Amino acid sequence: MLPAKTKGRRLKKGNLGSFASGILLTWTSPVLPKLNNATNVDSNPLGEPINLIQESWIGSCLALGAIFGPLLAGFTADRIGRKNTLVYCAGLPFLISLLILAFAKTPFLYYVARFLGGFGIGNLYTALPMYFGEISEASIRGAVSSSMNVFICLGELYAYAVGPYVSIMLFCLSCAVFPLAFILTFFFFPDSPYYLLAKDKMRTAEKSLMRLRNRTKSGIQQELKMMQRNVEEEAVNRGSLRDIFKSKGLRKALLICLGLVSFQQFSGITVVQFYVTNIFEATGSSLSPDVSAIIVGIVQLLASFSTPILVDRLGRKLLFLMSAIGMVISEVPLGIYFYLKDGGTDVSTLGWLPVLSLVAYIITYNLGFGPLPWTVMGEVFPSNVKSTASMITASVCWALGFLVANLFPIIAEAMGKGGTFWLFSGFCVLAAIFTALFLVETKGKSLQEIQKELNK
């Protein structure tokens, strides 16, 4: 068994990519106020404030790029391996994106850099759950997979805490250190034994599993033989998009994953991540928007630690239900606050309400619908169709994220921010119903047991 200290070091290094993705997700929160600043253009590399359309595209281009990332990851994960996909198709785009953002002088370069960063995120969120799902033992697979979210939250907190207080160039250059470290460390990680066996690299797969489990050759033979049998069975039934729709179990798995990521996006998380500082500015709270964003980031980080602890104890289904119900309870009062404020009611005594509501939303989101759709995605598909299914799921997720991020300013203008958050809470009600009716519990089950459950 791999010592906990060694396992922890590998997990941290492997999740440096997740950390970088968290920075890119919330990069707009501290940067957009500077690009919008009409009184202090010295802090704005563009020399003049951006307009609403430019702001919308800078925010949403990341989600647009993330639509296309999974299309490549689904192909390269089976061709060059999960590890190389993460290094070259996620880590490298992250690094290039942040370097462009550091020196950009035109809105177009911001669009390009954000698109490239999103492209890397699309690759990361497809290949990393796949990698973690295949290298982890069943008893800790949920905790390992959901650890991604802890590091995403760490990256988001870094952006909230550092971004407002330094120049855009210095902020981006400091952020670029993390994808560079990810590339340099993850390059030396062992690849997935499942992938290596599928490529008939038995000896390399054996060495990989010995490193991952920290056992002798004889100590991993039973697990290696089981992996080999699974790979051989799946090779006979080589999967394609058509095969997913022909199989009852795989259709059900795809429905579950598409439902989870759809409700994840329609809960409003993309809006909160991209525009949290703007949201706090609109509340008129006595707390400064930057401080409020840092509070949200700290709470989000603390909340993210709970999921790896609880996921293999309480199970996926219960956490999803708690998450959906909690988001409803937190978004309804936030909608009420904005409805009253936009209607001219004096809400000066309620300045604490939006902060409390967003804190509650972040906690409950990170309990389930934040990290666990990706965990489930890594568990419910056999390896012969996992790349294709992951590609579809992640692309749909980010297409919806792009839609929500791009339309939020328009919807908020038409319905008011209050109506918008009520709309999000309505989707969370539907998410709870969907979870109760369709989600299959995967806690503590092997990948083979999960497939049998789905085919019932």
Protein backbone atom coordinates (compact mmCIF):
# COMPACT_ATOMS: atom_id res chain seq x y z
CA MET A 1 0.00 0.00 0.00
CA LEU A 2 1.29 3.43 -0.92
CA PRO A 3 2.27 5.44 2.19
CA ALA A 4 -0.14 8.28 2.92
CA LYS A 5 2.65 10.88 2.74
CA THR A 6 3.78 9.73 -0.71
CA LYS A 7 0.20 9.43 -1.93
CA GLY A 8 -0.51 12.97 -0.71
CA ARG A 9 2.52 14.40 -2.53
CA ARG A 10 1.46 12.77 -5.79
CA LEU A 11 -2.09 14.00 -5.35
CA LYS A 12 -0.91 17.58 -4.79
CA LYS A 13 1.40 17.55 -7.81
CA GLY A 14 -1.23 15.95 -10.00
CA ASN A 15 -3.74 18.58 -8.96
CA LEU A 16 -1.55 21.58 -9.79
CA GLY A 17 -3.47 21.57 -13.07
CA SER A 18 -6.72 21.78 -11.11
CA PHE A 19 -5.26 24.72 -9.15
CA ALA A 20 -4.41 26.52 -12.41
CA SER A 21 -7.91 25.88 -13.76
CA GLY A 22 -9.40 27.45 -10.62
CA ILE A 23 -7.37 30.60 -11.25
CA LEU A 24 -8.56 30.79 -14.85
CA LEU A 25 -12.19 30.21 -13.86
CA THR A 26 -12.23 33.22 -11.53
CA TRP A 27 -9.63 35.36 -13.32
CA THR A 28 -12.40 37.68 -14.51
CA SER A 29 -13.59 38.46 -10.99
CA PRO A 30 -10.61 40.63 -9.96
CA VAL A 31 -9.68 41.71 -13.50
CA LEU A 32 -13.00 42.91 -14.99
CA PRO A 33 -13.39 45.77 -12.46
CA LYS A 34 -9.96 47.05 -13.59
CA LEU A 35 -10.88 46.76 -17.26
CA ASN A 36 -14.16 48.58 -16.50
CA ASN A 37 -12.49 51.37 -14.53
CA ALA A 38 -13.21 54.73 -16.15
CA THR A 39 -11.45 56.83 -13.50
CA ASN A 40 -8.12 55.00 -13.23
CA VAL A 41 -7.17 53.85 -16.71
CA ASP A 42 -3.56 53.45 -15.55
CA SER A 43 -4.57 50.09 -14.05
CA ASN A 44 -6.17 49.12 -17.37
CA PRO A 45 -3.73 47.78 -20.02
CA LEU A 46 -6.30 48.63 -22.72
CA GLY A 47 -6.17 52.34 -21.89
CA GLU A 48 -9.96 52.72 -21.85
CA PRO A 49 -12.91 50.96 -20.21
CA ILE A 50 -14.40 47.95 -21.99
CA ASN A 51 -18.06 47.95 -23.02
CA LEU A 52 -20.76 45.45 -22.02
CA ILE A 53 -20.28 43.26 -25.11
CA GLN A 54 -16.50 43.07 -24.62
CA GLU A 55 -17.02 42.22 -20.94
CA SER A 56 -19.46 39.46 -21.89
CA TRP A 57 -17.04 37.90 -24.37
CA ILE A 58 -14.01 38.13 -22.07
CA GLY A 59 -16.08 36.31 -19.46
CA SER A 60 -17.60 33.68 -21.74
CA CYS A 61 -14.72 32.89 -24.13
CA LEU A 62 -13.28 30.55 -21.50
CA ALA A 63 -16.44 28.44 -21.56
CA LEU A 64 -16.45 28.59 -25.37
CA GLY A 65 -12.91 27.18 -25.51
CA ALA A 66 -13.82 24.53 -22.97
CA ILE A 67 -16.46 23.15 -25.37
CA PHE A 68 -13.72 22.12 -27.80
CA GLY A 69 -11.15 20.85 -25.27
CA PRO A 70 -12.99 17.57 -24.61
CA LEU A 71 -13.24 16.89 -28.35
CA LEU A 72 -9.45 16.67 -28.46
CA ALA A 73 -9.08 14.97 -25.08
CA GLY A 74 -11.51 12.23 -26.07
CA PHE A 75 -9.24 11.46 -29.02
CA THR A 76 -5.79 11.94 -27.49
CA ALA A 77 -6.55 10.11 -24.23
CA ASP A 78 -6.77 6.88 -26.22
CA ARG A 79 -3.90 7.74 -28.58
CA ILE A 80 -1.13 9.28 -26.50
CA GLY A 81 -2.45 8.40 -23.04
CA ARG A 82 -4.18 10.15 -20.19
CA LYS A 83 -0.95 11.56 -18.76
CA ASN A 84 0.36 13.08 -21.99
CA THR A 85 -3.06 14.54 -22.75
CA LEU A 86 -2.97 16.33 -19.40
CA VAL A 87 0.56 17.66 -19.94
CA TYR A 88 0.31 18.82 -23.56
CA CYS A 89 -3.40 19.58 -23.97
CA ALA A 90 -4.12 21.09 -20.53
CA GLY A 91 -0.94 22.27 -18.81
CA LEU A 92 0.61 23.84 -21.91
CA PRO A 93 -2.53 25.79 -22.97
CA PHE A 94 -2.87 27.06 -19.38
CA LEU A 95 0.69 28.39 -19.46
CA ILE A 96 0.35 30.04 -22.88
CA SER A 97 -3.03 31.55 -21.94
CA LEU A 98 -1.70 33.23 -18.80
CA LEU A 99 1.38 34.58 -20.59
CA ILE A 100 -0.83 36.15 -23.29
CA LEU A 101 -3.11 37.63 -20.61
CA ALA A 102 -0.08 39.13 -18.87
CA PHE A 103 0.96 41.15 -21.92
CA ALA A 104 -2.33 41.64 -23.83
CA LYS A 105 -3.11 45.19 -25.00
CA THR A 106 -6.28 44.55 -27.03
CA PRO A 107 -9.64 42.91 -26.24
CA PHE A 108 -9.04 40.43 -29.08
CA LEU A 109 -5.96 39.03 -27.32
CA TYR A 110 -8.01 38.63 -24.16
CA TYR A 111 -10.58 36.66 -26.16
CA VAL A 112 -7.87 34.41 -27.63
CA ALA A 113 -6.17 33.83 -24.30
CA ARG A 114 -9.43 33.08 -22.50
CA PHE A 115 -10.47 30.69 -25.28
CA LEU A 116 -7.11 28.91 -25.00
CA GLY A 117 -7.40 28.66 -21.22
CA GLY A 118 -10.88 27.23 -21.59
CA PHE A 119 -9.58 24.75 -24.14
CA GLY A 120 -7.10 23.52 -21.53
CA ILE A 121 -9.82 23.31 -18.88
CA GLY A 122 -11.96 21.21 -21.22
CA ASN A 123 -9.07 18.81 -21.64
CA LEU A 124 -8.28 18.72 -17.92
CA TYR A 125 -11.86 18.09 -16.81
CA THR A 126 -12.14 15.23 -19.31
CA ALA A 127 -8.81 13.48 -18.83
CA LEU A 128 -8.06 14.00 -15.13
CA PRO A 129 -11.21 12.26 -13.77
CA MET A 130 -10.49 9.48 -16.24
CA TYR A 131 -6.91 9.21 -14.98
CA PHE A 132 -7.85 9.35 -11.29
CA GLY A 133 -10.68 6.84 -11.79
CA GLU A 134 -8.32 4.33 -13.40
CA ILE A 135 -5.35 4.60 -11.02
CA SER A 136 -7.29 4.67 -7.72
CA GLU A 137 -8.35 1.76 -5.55
CA ALA A 138 -12.13 1.39 -5.22
CA SER A 139 -12.15 2.25 -1.50
CA ILE A 140 -10.68 5.74 -2.04
CA ARG A 141 -11.62 6.44 -5.67
CA GLY A 142 -14.33 8.96 -4.76
CA ALA A 143 -12.04 10.88 -2.41
CA VAL A 144 -9.19 10.97 -4.93
CA SER A 145 -11.45 12.12 -7.77
CA SER A 146 -13.22 14.77 -5.70
CA SER A 147 -9.85 16.12 -4.51
CA MET A 148 -9.80 17.95 -7.85
CA ASN A 149 -12.36 20.35 -6.46
CA VAL A 150 -10.24 21.17 -3.41
CA PHE A 151 -7.43 22.37 -5.66
CA ILE A 152 -9.81 24.18 -8.01
CA CYS A 153 -11.10 26.08 -4.96
CA LEU A 154 -7.53 26.83 -3.86
CA GLY A 155 -6.86 28.33 -7.27
CA GLU A 156 -10.04 30.39 -7.10
CA LEU A 157 -9.10 31.71 -3.65
CA TYR A 158 -5.65 32.66 -4.99
CA ALA A 159 -7.32 34.70 -7.74
CA TYR A 160 -9.69 36.42 -5.28
CA ALA A 161 -6.91 37.17 -2.78
CA VAL A 162 -4.11 38.30 -5.12
CA GLY A 163 -5.80 39.64 -8.25
CA PRO A 164 -7.35 42.84 -6.82
CA TYR A 165 -4.13 44.06 -5.21
CA VAL A 166 -1.52 43.77 -7.98
CA SER A 167 -1.36 44.80 -11.62
CA ILE A 168 -2.95 42.54 -14.22
CA MET A 169 0.50 41.72 -15.63
CA LEU A 170 1.98 40.75 -12.27
CA PHE A 171 -1.13 38.76 -11.37
CA CYS A 172 -1.00 36.73 -14.58
CA LEU A 173 2.75 36.10 -14.37
CA SER A 174 2.41 34.84 -10.80
CA CYS A 175 -0.42 32.55 -11.94
CA ALA A 176 1.71 31.13 -14.77
CA VAL A 177 4.04 29.52 -12.22
CA PHE A 178 1.42 26.87 -11.41
CA PRO A 179 0.82 25.37 -14.87
CA LEU A 180 4.58 25.42 -15.42
CA ALA A 181 5.07 23.42 -12.21
CA PHE A 182 2.28 21.05 -13.29
CA ILE A 183 3.97 20.37 -16.63
CA LEU A 184 7.38 19.75 -15.05
CA THR A 185 6.09 17.39 -12.34
CA PHE A 186 3.21 15.52 -13.99
CA PHE A 187 5.42 14.58 -16.95
CA PHE A 188 7.15 12.04 -14.68
CA PHE A 189 3.96 10.47 -13.29
CA PRO A 190 3.07 6.86 -14.20
CA ASP A 191 0.38 6.53 -16.85
CA SER A 192 -2.89 4.68 -16.32
CA PRO A 193 -2.33 0.90 -16.20
CA TYR A 194 -5.66 0.48 -18.01
CA TYR A 195 -4.42 2.61 -20.91
CA LEU A 196 -1.06 0.81 -21.03
CA LEU A 197 -2.72 -2.62 -21.06
CA ALA A 198 -5.02 -1.47 -23.86
CA LYS A 199 -1.86 -0.62 -25.83
CA ASP A 200 -0.37 -4.11 -25.12
CA LYS A 201 2.34 -2.62 -22.90
CA MET A 202 2.14 -5.27 -20.20
CA ARG A 203 5.57 -4.66 -18.71
CA THR A 204 5.07 -0.88 -18.55
CA ALA A 205 1.61 -1.36 -17.02
CA GLU A 206 3.12 -3.66 -14.41
CA LYS A 207 5.75 -1.07 -13.49
CA SER A 208 3.11 1.65 -13.39
CA LEU A 209 0.90 -0.32 -11.01
CA MET A 210 3.89 -1.18 -8.80
CA ARG A 211 4.67 2.54 -8.49
CA LEU A 212 1.05 3.48 -7.85
CA ARG A 213 0.55 0.84 -5.16
CA ASN A 214 4.15 0.85 -3.84
CA ARG A 215 4.18 -2.94 -3.94
CA THR A 216 6.43 -5.64 -5.31
CA LYS A 217 5.77 -7.41 -8.59
CA SER A 218 4.05 -10.30 -6.83
CA GLY A 219 1.95 -7.93 -4.74
CA ILE A 220 0.13 -6.41 -7.72
CA GLN A 221 -0.37 -9.50 -9.88
CA GLN A 222 -3.96 -10.18 -8.81
CA GLU A 223 -5.07 -6.61 -9.51
CA LEU A 224 -3.10 -6.53 -12.77
CA LYS A 225 -4.75 -9.74 -13.99
CA MET A 226 -8.18 -8.34 -13.17
CA MET A 227 -7.34 -5.18 -15.13
CA GLN A 228 -6.09 -7.28 -18.02
CA ARG A 229 -9.33 -9.29 -18.13
CA ASN A 230 -11.39 -6.10 -18.10
CA VAL A 231 -9.33 -4.56 -20.90
CA GLU A 232 -9.58 -7.74 -23.00
CA GLU A 233 -13.35 -7.91 -22.53
CA GLU A 234 -13.73 -4.27 -23.47
CA ALA A 235 -11.43 -4.67 -26.49
CA VAL A 236 -13.74 -7.36 -27.85
CA ASN A 237 -16.62 -4.92 -27.40
CA ARG A 238 -14.75 -1.90 -28.74
CA GLY A 239 -16.96 1.05 -27.98
CA SER A 240 -18.16 3.89 -30.18
CA LEU A 241 -20.83 6.55 -29.98
CA ARG A 242 -23.26 4.14 -31.64
CA ASP A 243 -22.47 1.48 -29.04
CA ILE A 244 -23.30 3.88 -26.22
CA PHE A 245 -26.80 4.34 -27.58
CA LYS A 246 -27.23 0.60 -28.27
CA SER A 247 -26.52 -0.40 -24.65
CA LYS A 248 -29.17 0.15 -21.97
CA GLY A 249 -26.56 0.61 -19.25
CA LEU A 250 -24.46 3.06 -21.25
CA ARG A 251 -27.50 5.07 -22.32
CA LYS A 252 -28.46 5.35 -18.67
CA ALA A 253 -24.91 6.35 -17.71
CA LEU A 254 -24.86 9.06 -20.39
CA LEU A 255 -28.27 10.35 -19.31
CA ILE A 256 -27.08 10.57 -15.70
CA CYS A 257 -23.87 12.42 -16.57
CA LEU A 258 -25.54 14.85 -18.98
CA GLY A 259 -28.24 15.56 -16.43
CA LEU A 260 -25.74 16.22 -13.64
CA VAL A 261 -23.55 18.62 -15.64
CA SER A 262 -26.61 20.39 -17.07
CA PHE A 263 -28.00 21.09 -13.61
CA GLN A 264 -24.50 22.04 -12.45
CA GLN A 265 -24.42 24.86 -14.99
CA PHE A 266 -28.06 25.90 -14.60
CA SER A 267 -27.53 26.26 -10.86
CA GLY A 268 -25.74 29.52 -11.76
CA ILE A 269 -22.19 28.58 -10.80
CA THR A 270 -20.62 30.03 -13.95
CA VAL A 271 -22.22 33.40 -13.19
CA VAL A 272 -20.98 33.34 -9.59
CA GLN A 273 -17.43 32.34 -10.62
CA PHE A 274 -17.09 34.88 -13.42
CA TYR A 275 -18.97 37.82 -11.89
CA VAL A 276 -18.79 37.43 -8.09
CA THR A 277 -17.13 40.83 -7.59
CA ASN A 278 -19.66 42.49 -9.91
CA ILE A 279 -22.51 40.80 -8.00
CA PHE A 280 -21.23 42.16 -4.70
CA GLU A 281 -20.83 45.62 -6.25
CA ALA A 282 -24.49 45.49 -7.27
CA THR A 283 -25.62 44.63 -3.73
CA GLY A 284 -24.28 47.85 -2.24
CA SER A 285 -23.13 45.87 0.81
CA SER A 286 -21.03 47.62 3.44
CA LEU A 287 -18.29 45.05 2.80
CA SER A 288 -16.05 45.86 -0.16
CA PRO A 289 -16.59 43.58 -3.18
CA ASP A 290 -12.98 42.34 -3.05
CA VAL A 291 -13.22 41.39 0.63
CA SER A 292 -16.58 39.72 0.04
CA ALA A 293 -15.09 37.69 -2.82
CA ILE A 294 -12.22 36.56 -0.59
CA ILE A 295 -14.70 35.48 2.09
CA VAL A 296 -16.58 33.44 -0.52
CA GLY A 297 -13.28 31.93 -1.70
CA ILE A 298 -12.26 30.92 1.84
CA VAL A 299 -15.65 29.38 2.55
CA GLN A 300 -15.56 27.57 -0.79
CA LEU A 301 -12.14 26.13 0.02
CA LEU A 302 -13.22 24.96 3.48
CA ALA A 303 -16.38 23.44 2.02
CA SER A 304 -14.41 21.60 -0.64
CA PHE A 305 -12.53 19.62 2.03
CA SER A 306 -15.78 18.07 3.22
CA THR A 307 -16.58 16.22 0.01
CA PRO A 308 -13.50 13.94 -0.13
CA ILE A 309 -14.20 13.03 3.51
CA LEU A 310 -17.93 12.41 3.08
CA VAL A 311 -18.21 11.02 -0.45
CA ASP A 312 -17.10 7.47 0.39
CA ARG A 313 -19.02 7.49 3.69
CA LEU A 314 -22.40 8.97 2.80
CA GLY A 315 -22.38 8.11 -0.88
CA ARG A 316 -22.83 10.17 -4.03
CA LYS A 317 -26.63 10.25 -4.16
CA LEU A 318 -27.20 11.71 -0.68
CA LEU A 319 -24.58 14.42 -1.25
CA PHE A 320 -26.18 15.39 -4.57
CA LEU A 321 -29.59 15.68 -2.89
CA MET A 322 -28.21 17.75 -0.01
CA SER A 323 -26.40 19.96 -2.52
CA ALA A 324 -29.47 20.62 -4.69
CA ILE A 325 -31.77 21.39 -1.75
CA GLY A 326 -29.14 23.62 -0.15
CA MET A 327 -28.71 25.65 -3.35
CA VAL A 328 -32.47 26.23 -3.52
CA ILE A 329 -32.54 27.48 0.07
CA SER A 330 -29.60 29.84 -0.55
CA GLU A 331 -30.61 31.30 -3.94
CA VAL A 332 -34.22 32.14 -3.09
CA PRO A 333 -33.31 34.80 -0.46
CA LEU A 334 -30.62 36.17 -2.78
CA GLY A 335 -33.31 36.66 -5.40
CA ILE A 336 -35.57 38.33 -2.82
CA TYR A 337 -32.77 40.76 -1.88
CA PHE A 338 -32.20 41.86 -5.49
CA TYR A 339 -35.96 42.02 -6.15
CA LEU A 340 -36.45 44.38 -3.21
CA LYS A 341 -33.38 46.46 -4.07
CA ASP A 342 -34.32 46.83 -7.75
CA GLY A 343 -37.87 47.74 -6.70
CA GLY A 344 -36.62 50.72 -4.71
CA THR A 345 -36.94 49.19 -1.22
CA ASP A 346 -34.33 50.31 1.31
CA VAL A 347 -32.17 47.22 1.88
CA SER A 348 -29.37 48.94 3.78
CA THR A 349 -30.12 46.85 6.87
CA LEU A 350 -29.91 43.65 4.80
CA GLY A 351 -26.35 44.08 3.55
CA TRP A 352 -25.42 40.82 5.23
CA LEU A 353 -28.01 38.79 3.28
CA PRO A 354 -26.29 38.51 -0.14
CA VAL A 355 -22.98 37.57 1.49
CA LEU A 356 -24.66 34.93 3.66
CA SER A 357 -26.69 33.61 0.71
CA LEU A 358 -23.67 33.30 -1.57
CA VAL A 359 -21.65 31.66 1.20
CA ALA A 360 -24.45 29.12 1.73
CA TYR A 361 -24.71 28.58 -2.02
CA ILE A 362 -20.96 27.96 -2.34
CA ILE A 363 -20.96 25.49 0.58
CA THR A 364 -23.85 23.44 -0.77
CA TYR A 365 -22.61 23.59 -4.37
CA ASN A 366 -19.23 22.21 -3.33
CA LEU A 367 -20.91 19.48 -1.32
CA GLY A 368 -22.21 17.75 -4.43
CA PHE A 369 -22.88 19.41 -7.76
CA GLY A 370 -19.45 21.05 -7.87
CA PRO A 371 -17.05 18.10 -7.74
CA LEU A 372 -19.17 14.97 -7.98
CA PRO A 373 -20.44 15.05 -11.60
CA TRP A 374 -16.83 14.54 -12.68
CA THR A 375 -16.36 11.76 -10.12
CA VAL A 376 -19.46 9.97 -11.39
CA MET A 377 -18.34 10.47 -14.99
CA GLY A 378 -15.08 8.65 -14.20
CA GLU A 379 -16.99 5.76 -12.60
CA VAL A 380 -20.01 4.87 -14.73
CA PHE A 381 -18.37 4.23 -18.11
CA PRO A 382 -16.13 1.26 -19.02
CA SER A 383 -12.74 2.27 -20.41
CA ASN A 384 -13.62 1.28 -24.00
CA VAL A 385 -16.21 4.09 -24.24
CA LYS A 386 -15.01 6.36 -21.45
CA SER A 387 -13.16 8.76 -23.75
CA THR A 388 -16.15 9.22 -26.07
CA ALA A 389 -18.64 9.56 -23.23
CA SER A 390 -16.41 11.97 -21.30
CA MET A 391 -15.95 14.06 -24.43
CA ILE A 392 -19.72 14.37 -24.95
CA THR A 393 -20.44 15.12 -21.29
CA ALA A 394 -17.74 17.74 -20.85
CA SER A 395 -18.55 19.49 -24.14
CA VAL A 396 -22.24 19.74 -23.24
CA CYS A 397 -21.28 21.06 -19.79
CA TRP A 398 -19.20 23.88 -21.20
CA ALA A 399 -21.62 24.68 -24.01
CA LEU A 400 -24.22 25.31 -21.32
CA GLY A 401 -21.65 27.25 -19.27
CA PHE A 402 -20.94 29.48 -22.28
CA LEU A 403 -24.65 30.00 -22.83
CA VAL A 404 -25.29 30.96 -19.21
CA ALA A 405 -22.23 33.24 -18.94
CA ASN A 406 -22.94 34.99 -22.23
CA LEU A 407 -26.65 35.49 -21.61
CA PHE A 408 -26.46 36.45 -17.92
CA PRO A 409 -26.09 40.21 -18.54
CA ILE A 410 -29.04 40.08 -20.97
CA ILE A 411 -31.24 37.91 -18.71
CA ALA A 412 -30.40 40.05 -15.67
CA GLU A 413 -31.37 43.15 -17.65
CA ALA A 414 -34.68 41.60 -18.73
CA MET A 415 -35.69 39.75 -15.54
CA GLY A 416 -33.64 41.61 -12.97
CA LYS A 417 -30.99 39.88 -10.90
CA GLY A 418 -33.71 38.73 -8.50
CA GLY A 419 -35.63 36.91 -11.20
CA THR A 420 -32.41 35.41 -12.54
CA PHE A 421 -31.48 33.85 -9.21
CA TRP A 422 -35.03 32.55 -8.78
CA LEU A 423 -34.69 30.92 -12.19
CA PHE A 424 -31.47 29.25 -11.05
CA SER A 425 -33.17 28.02 -7.86
CA GLY A 426 -35.96 26.49 -9.95
CA PHE A 427 -33.40 24.45 -11.86
CA CYS A 428 -31.98 23.27 -8.52
CA VAL A 429 -35.43 21.92 -7.58
CA LEU A 430 -35.42 19.95 -10.83
CA ALA A 431 -31.88 18.77 -10.02
CA ALA A 432 -33.06 17.26 -6.73
CA ILE A 433 -35.90 15.43 -8.50
CA PHE A 434 -33.54 14.15 -11.20
CA THR A 435 -31.08 12.88 -8.59
CA ALA A 436 -33.77 11.04 -6.65
CA LEU A 437 -35.18 9.34 -9.74
CA PHE A 438 -32.17 8.51 -11.89
CA LEU A 439 -28.83 8.57 -10.07
CA VAL A 440 -27.29 5.16 -9.35
CA GLU A 441 -25.22 4.92 -6.16
CA THR A 442 -21.57 4.04 -6.93
CA LYS A 443 -20.10 4.23 -3.41
CA GLY A 444 -17.59 1.46 -2.71
CA LYS A 445 -18.41 -0.44 -5.89
CA SER A 446 -15.89 -1.66 -8.44
CA LEU A 447 -16.20 -0.42 -12.01
CA GLN A 448 -17.59 -3.84 -12.93
CA GLU A 449 -20.27 -3.75 -10.21
CA ILE A 450 -21.36 -0.30 -11.36
CA GLN A 451 -21.84 -1.56 -14.92
CA LYS A 452 -24.00 -4.44 -13.69
CA GLU A 453 -26.15 -2.00 -11.69
CA LEU A 454 -26.64 0.25 -14.71
CA ASN A 455 -27.71 -2.65 -16.91
CA LYS A 456 -30.51 -3.79 -14.57
